[in-house]
N, C-alpha and C. Protein backbone atom coordinates (compact mmCIF):
# COMPACT_ATOMS: atom_id res chain seq x y z
N UNK A 1 -12.34 66.71 -38.01
CA UNK A 1 -12.63 67.84 -37.93
C UNK A 1 -13.70 68.25 -36.85
N UNK A 2 -13.00 69.13 -36.31
CA UNK A 2 -13.76 68.77 -34.52
C UNK A 2 -15.07 70.08 -34.92
N UNK A 3 -16.39 70.07 -34.36
CA UNK A 3 -17.23 70.39 -34.18
C UNK A 3 -16.93 71.91 -33.50
N UNK A 4 -18.11 73.19 -34.12
CA UNK A 4 -17.52 74.63 -32.63
C UNK A 4 -17.43 74.28 -31.54
N UNK A 5 -18.32 73.16 -30.93
CA UNK A 5 -18.08 73.54 -29.79
C UNK A 5 -17.19 72.33 -28.93
N UNK A 6 -16.59 71.55 -29.89
CA UNK A 6 -15.30 71.17 -29.49
C UNK A 6 -16.01 69.37 -28.95
N UNK A 7 -16.75 69.21 -28.84
CA UNK A 7 -17.92 68.03 -28.26
C UNK A 7 -17.96 66.40 -28.88
N UNK A 8 -17.83 66.84 -30.38
CA UNK A 8 -17.62 65.91 -31.79
C UNK A 8 -16.62 66.48 -33.13
N UNK A 9 -16.58 65.35 -33.35
CA UNK A 9 -15.20 64.90 -34.50
C UNK A 9 -15.74 64.17 -35.71
N UNK A 10 -15.84 64.85 -36.65
CA UNK A 10 -16.33 63.88 -38.22
C UNK A 10 -14.98 63.27 -38.64
N UNK A 11 -14.81 62.46 -39.75
CA UNK A 11 -13.77 61.97 -40.34
C UNK A 11 -13.90 61.13 -41.81
N UNK A 12 -13.68 60.34 -42.24
CA UNK A 12 -13.39 60.15 -43.37
C UNK A 12 -13.10 58.87 -43.01
N UNK A 13 -14.29 57.27 -43.18
CA UNK A 13 -13.42 56.32 -43.16
C UNK A 13 -14.04 55.55 -44.23
N UNK A 14 -12.98 54.89 -44.76
CA UNK A 14 -13.62 54.30 -46.17
C UNK A 14 -14.50 55.33 -47.50
N UNK A 15 -15.47 54.96 -47.42
CA UNK A 15 -16.43 55.45 -47.77
C UNK A 15 -17.32 56.18 -47.64
N UNK A 16 -17.46 56.13 -46.03
CA UNK A 16 -18.58 56.93 -45.81
C UNK A 16 -17.67 58.43 -44.77
N UNK A 17 -18.54 58.82 -43.72
CA UNK A 17 -17.69 59.72 -43.22
C UNK A 17 -18.74 59.50 -41.52
N UNK A 18 -17.83 59.54 -40.77
CA UNK A 18 -18.30 59.36 -39.28
C UNK A 18 -18.15 60.30 -38.44
N UNK A 19 -19.28 60.95 -37.14
CA UNK A 19 -19.11 61.03 -36.37
C UNK A 19 -19.12 60.43 -35.02
N UNK A 20 -17.92 60.69 -34.22
CA UNK A 20 -17.80 60.48 -33.30
C UNK A 20 -17.57 61.74 -31.88
N UNK A 21 -17.81 61.15 -30.55
CA UNK A 21 -17.42 61.72 -29.41
C UNK A 21 -15.93 61.97 -29.15
N UNK A 22 -15.09 63.61 -29.80
CA UNK A 22 -13.92 63.71 -29.26
C UNK A 22 -13.54 63.40 -27.95
N UNK A 23 -14.45 63.24 -26.89
CA UNK A 23 -13.24 62.45 -25.49
C UNK A 23 -13.24 61.64 -25.78
N UNK A 24 -14.81 60.56 -25.57
CA UNK A 24 -14.43 58.72 -26.02
C UNK A 24 -13.52 58.52 -27.29
N UNK A 25 -13.98 59.18 -28.37
CA UNK A 25 -13.92 58.43 -29.54
C UNK A 25 -15.11 57.63 -29.94
N UNK A 26 -16.78 57.63 -29.09
CA UNK A 26 -17.33 56.50 -29.55
C UNK A 26 -17.77 57.07 -30.60
N UNK A 27 -18.53 55.96 -31.57
CA UNK A 27 -19.07 56.52 -32.66
C UNK A 27 -20.65 56.65 -32.64
N UNK A 28 -20.39 57.84 -32.96
CA UNK A 28 -22.54 58.28 -32.77
C UNK A 28 -23.13 58.34 -34.00
N UNK A 29 -22.60 58.14 -35.02
CA UNK A 29 -23.23 57.72 -36.47
C UNK A 29 -22.23 57.70 -37.72
N UNK A 30 -22.65 57.06 -38.66
CA UNK A 30 -21.88 56.23 -39.58
C UNK A 30 -22.65 57.19 -40.94
N UNK A 31 -22.49 58.14 -41.59
CA UNK A 31 -22.95 58.35 -42.84
C UNK A 31 -22.66 57.76 -44.11
N UNK A 32 -23.17 56.99 -44.63
CA UNK A 32 -23.63 56.10 -45.84
C UNK A 32 -24.08 56.64 -47.11
N UNK A 33 -23.57 57.07 -48.29
CA UNK A 33 -24.81 57.45 -49.53
C UNK A 33 -23.94 58.25 -49.65
N UNK A 34 -22.78 59.26 -50.31
CA UNK A 34 -22.30 59.78 -50.74
C UNK A 34 -21.77 59.33 -51.99
N UNK A 35 -22.12 60.38 -53.15
CA UNK A 35 -21.54 59.46 -54.49
C UNK A 35 -20.48 59.73 -54.93
N UNK A 36 -19.52 58.76 -55.25
CA UNK A 36 -18.39 59.01 -55.47
C UNK A 36 -16.93 59.31 -54.90
N UNK A 37 -17.74 58.95 -53.32
CA UNK A 37 -16.44 59.00 -52.56
C UNK A 37 -16.43 60.45 -52.13
N UNK A 38 -15.90 60.28 -50.37
CA UNK A 38 -15.92 61.83 -49.41
C UNK A 38 -14.51 61.64 -49.35
N UNK A 39 -14.17 62.90 -49.60
CA UNK A 39 -12.34 63.68 -50.02
C UNK A 39 -12.44 64.90 -48.28
N UNK A 40 -13.46 65.03 -48.21
CA UNK A 40 -13.44 66.25 -47.37
C UNK A 40 -15.08 66.48 -46.30
N UNK A 41 -14.81 66.61 -45.02
CA UNK A 41 -16.17 66.65 -44.18
C UNK A 41 -15.46 68.15 -43.76
N UNK A 42 -17.21 68.86 -42.93
CA UNK A 42 -16.72 69.83 -42.28
C UNK A 42 -17.89 70.17 -41.79
N UNK A 43 -18.20 70.49 -40.00
CA UNK A 43 -19.57 70.85 -39.85
C UNK A 43 -19.46 72.38 -39.76
N UNK A 44 -21.04 72.91 -39.98
CA UNK A 44 -21.08 74.25 -40.21
C UNK A 44 -21.05 74.92 -38.93
N UNK A 45 -21.77 76.09 -39.33
CA UNK A 45 -20.72 76.72 -38.13
C UNK A 45 -21.38 76.59 -36.79
N UNK A 46 -22.49 75.95 -37.13
CA UNK A 46 -23.01 76.13 -35.55
C UNK A 46 -23.67 74.56 -35.23
N UNK A 47 -22.80 73.54 -35.78
CA UNK A 47 -22.36 72.35 -35.03
C UNK A 47 -23.68 71.71 -36.06
N UNK A 48 -25.15 71.58 -36.68
CA UNK A 48 -26.59 71.24 -36.65
C UNK A 48 -25.95 70.96 -38.06
N UNK A 49 -24.69 70.68 -38.98
CA UNK A 49 -25.20 70.72 -40.03
C UNK A 49 -23.26 69.63 -40.41
N UNK A 50 -23.61 68.88 -41.16
CA UNK A 50 -21.79 68.60 -42.12
C UNK A 50 -22.10 68.70 -43.53
N UNK A 51 -20.95 68.76 -43.76
CA UNK A 51 -21.08 68.98 -45.41
C UNK A 51 -19.91 67.62 -45.85
N UNK A 52 -19.96 66.82 -46.68
CA UNK A 52 -19.17 66.15 -46.85
C UNK A 52 -19.43 66.25 -48.83
N UNK A 53 -17.86 66.31 -49.49
CA UNK A 53 -17.11 66.76 -50.51
C UNK A 53 -16.93 65.79 -51.37
N UNK A 54 -16.68 65.51 -52.52
CA UNK A 54 -15.85 64.57 -53.08
C UNK A 54 -15.96 64.75 -54.46
N UNK A 55 -15.44 64.31 -55.11
CA UNK A 55 -15.35 64.85 -56.36
C UNK A 55 -16.69 64.23 -57.36
N UNK A 56 -17.31 63.94 -57.04
CA UNK A 56 -18.78 64.19 -57.49
C UNK A 56 -19.70 64.97 -57.05
N UNK A 57 -19.85 65.13 -55.50
CA UNK A 57 -21.13 66.44 -55.46
C UNK A 57 -20.53 66.59 -53.81
N UNK A 58 -21.56 68.14 -53.54
CA UNK A 58 -21.63 67.86 -52.33
C UNK A 58 -22.70 67.82 -51.53
N UNK A 59 -22.53 67.54 -50.42
CA UNK A 59 -23.81 67.01 -49.81
C UNK A 59 -23.66 67.62 -47.92
N UNK A 60 -24.99 67.40 -48.00
CA UNK A 60 -25.02 68.97 -46.51
C UNK A 60 -26.19 67.46 -45.67
N UNK A 61 -25.52 67.32 -44.78
CA UNK A 61 -26.37 66.16 -43.39
C UNK A 61 -26.56 66.48 -42.67
N UNK A 62 -27.98 66.41 -41.89
CA UNK A 62 -28.28 66.80 -40.01
C UNK A 62 -27.12 66.26 -39.97
N UNK A 63 -26.65 66.65 -38.68
CA UNK A 63 -25.36 66.39 -37.76
C UNK A 63 -25.97 65.23 -37.10
N UNK A 64 -27.47 65.68 -36.01
CA UNK A 64 -27.56 65.11 -35.44
C UNK A 64 -28.59 64.20 -35.72
N UNK A 65 -29.31 63.59 -37.34
CA UNK A 65 -30.32 62.33 -37.76
C UNK A 65 -29.30 62.37 -38.81
N UNK A 66 -30.00 61.22 -39.24
CA UNK A 66 -29.58 60.81 -40.57
C UNK A 66 -30.64 61.17 -41.76
N UNK A 67 -30.10 62.05 -41.63
CA UNK A 67 -31.44 63.06 -43.19
C UNK A 67 -30.26 63.93 -43.47
N UNK A 68 -30.27 63.93 -45.05
CA UNK A 68 -29.95 64.69 -45.85
C UNK A 68 -30.81 65.70 -46.80
N UNK A 69 -29.82 66.97 -47.07
CA UNK A 69 -30.53 67.48 -48.31
C UNK A 69 -30.01 67.18 -49.37
N UNK A 70 -30.77 67.54 -50.71
CA UNK A 70 -30.09 67.52 -52.13
C UNK A 70 -28.58 67.74 -52.26
N UNK A 71 -28.46 66.92 -53.24
CA UNK A 71 -27.05 67.32 -53.30
C UNK A 71 -26.65 68.66 -53.92
N UNK A 72 -25.52 69.70 -53.38
CA UNK A 72 -25.89 71.09 -54.33
C UNK A 72 -24.48 70.69 -55.34
N UNK A 73 -24.90 71.55 -56.42
CA UNK A 73 -24.10 71.13 -57.62
C UNK A 73 -24.33 72.53 -58.33
N UNK A 74 -23.15 72.95 -59.18
CA UNK A 74 -22.86 73.86 -59.88
C UNK A 74 -23.61 73.69 -61.33
N UNK A 75 -23.55 72.34 -61.75
CA UNK A 75 -23.64 72.40 -62.82
C UNK A 75 -22.69 71.77 -64.22
N UNK A 76 -21.20 71.62 -63.65
CA UNK A 76 -20.25 71.85 -64.29
C UNK A 76 -20.25 69.50 -63.97
N UNK A 77 -19.02 69.43 -63.88
CA UNK A 77 -18.48 68.69 -63.64
C UNK A 77 -17.48 68.28 -62.09
N UNK A 78 -17.69 69.47 -61.60
CA UNK A 78 -17.12 69.38 -60.34
C UNK A 78 -18.04 70.02 -58.94
N UNK A 79 -18.05 70.19 -58.20
CA UNK A 79 -18.79 69.96 -56.90
C UNK A 79 -18.63 72.08 -56.99
N UNK A 80 -19.80 72.48 -56.60
CA UNK A 80 -19.98 73.83 -56.37
C UNK A 80 -19.11 74.20 -54.86
N UNK A 81 -18.46 75.70 -54.61
CA UNK A 81 -17.58 75.84 -53.85
C UNK A 81 -18.70 76.39 -52.82
N UNK A 82 -18.78 75.90 -51.29
CA UNK A 82 -19.26 75.66 -50.42
C UNK A 82 -18.76 75.94 -49.48
N UNK A 83 -18.77 76.82 -48.38
CA UNK A 83 -17.66 77.43 -47.73
C UNK A 83 -18.30 77.67 -46.56
N UNK A 84 -17.99 76.76 -45.36
CA UNK A 84 -18.58 76.68 -44.00
C UNK A 84 -18.04 77.65 -42.94
N UNK A 85 -17.44 78.48 -43.08
CA UNK A 85 -17.14 80.15 -42.71
C UNK A 85 -17.89 80.86 -42.32
């Protein structure tokens, strides 16, 4: 998944999400700590945050720092529907 400006790319690598420079592939951040594995990654429209989603929860990470806000849950067994469009 490319960032909106095309400068970064995010992808899943094992249990982690990775943000790398699109032009060089140089890894800028490895995001650890997602519960239950990561199946999807997406940048927000402004590219400031990365959303990771898996079978257990959805998490919202600052795309420039190693921080996140609490998991987004719908109260059931599946993550809440979150759109970045």
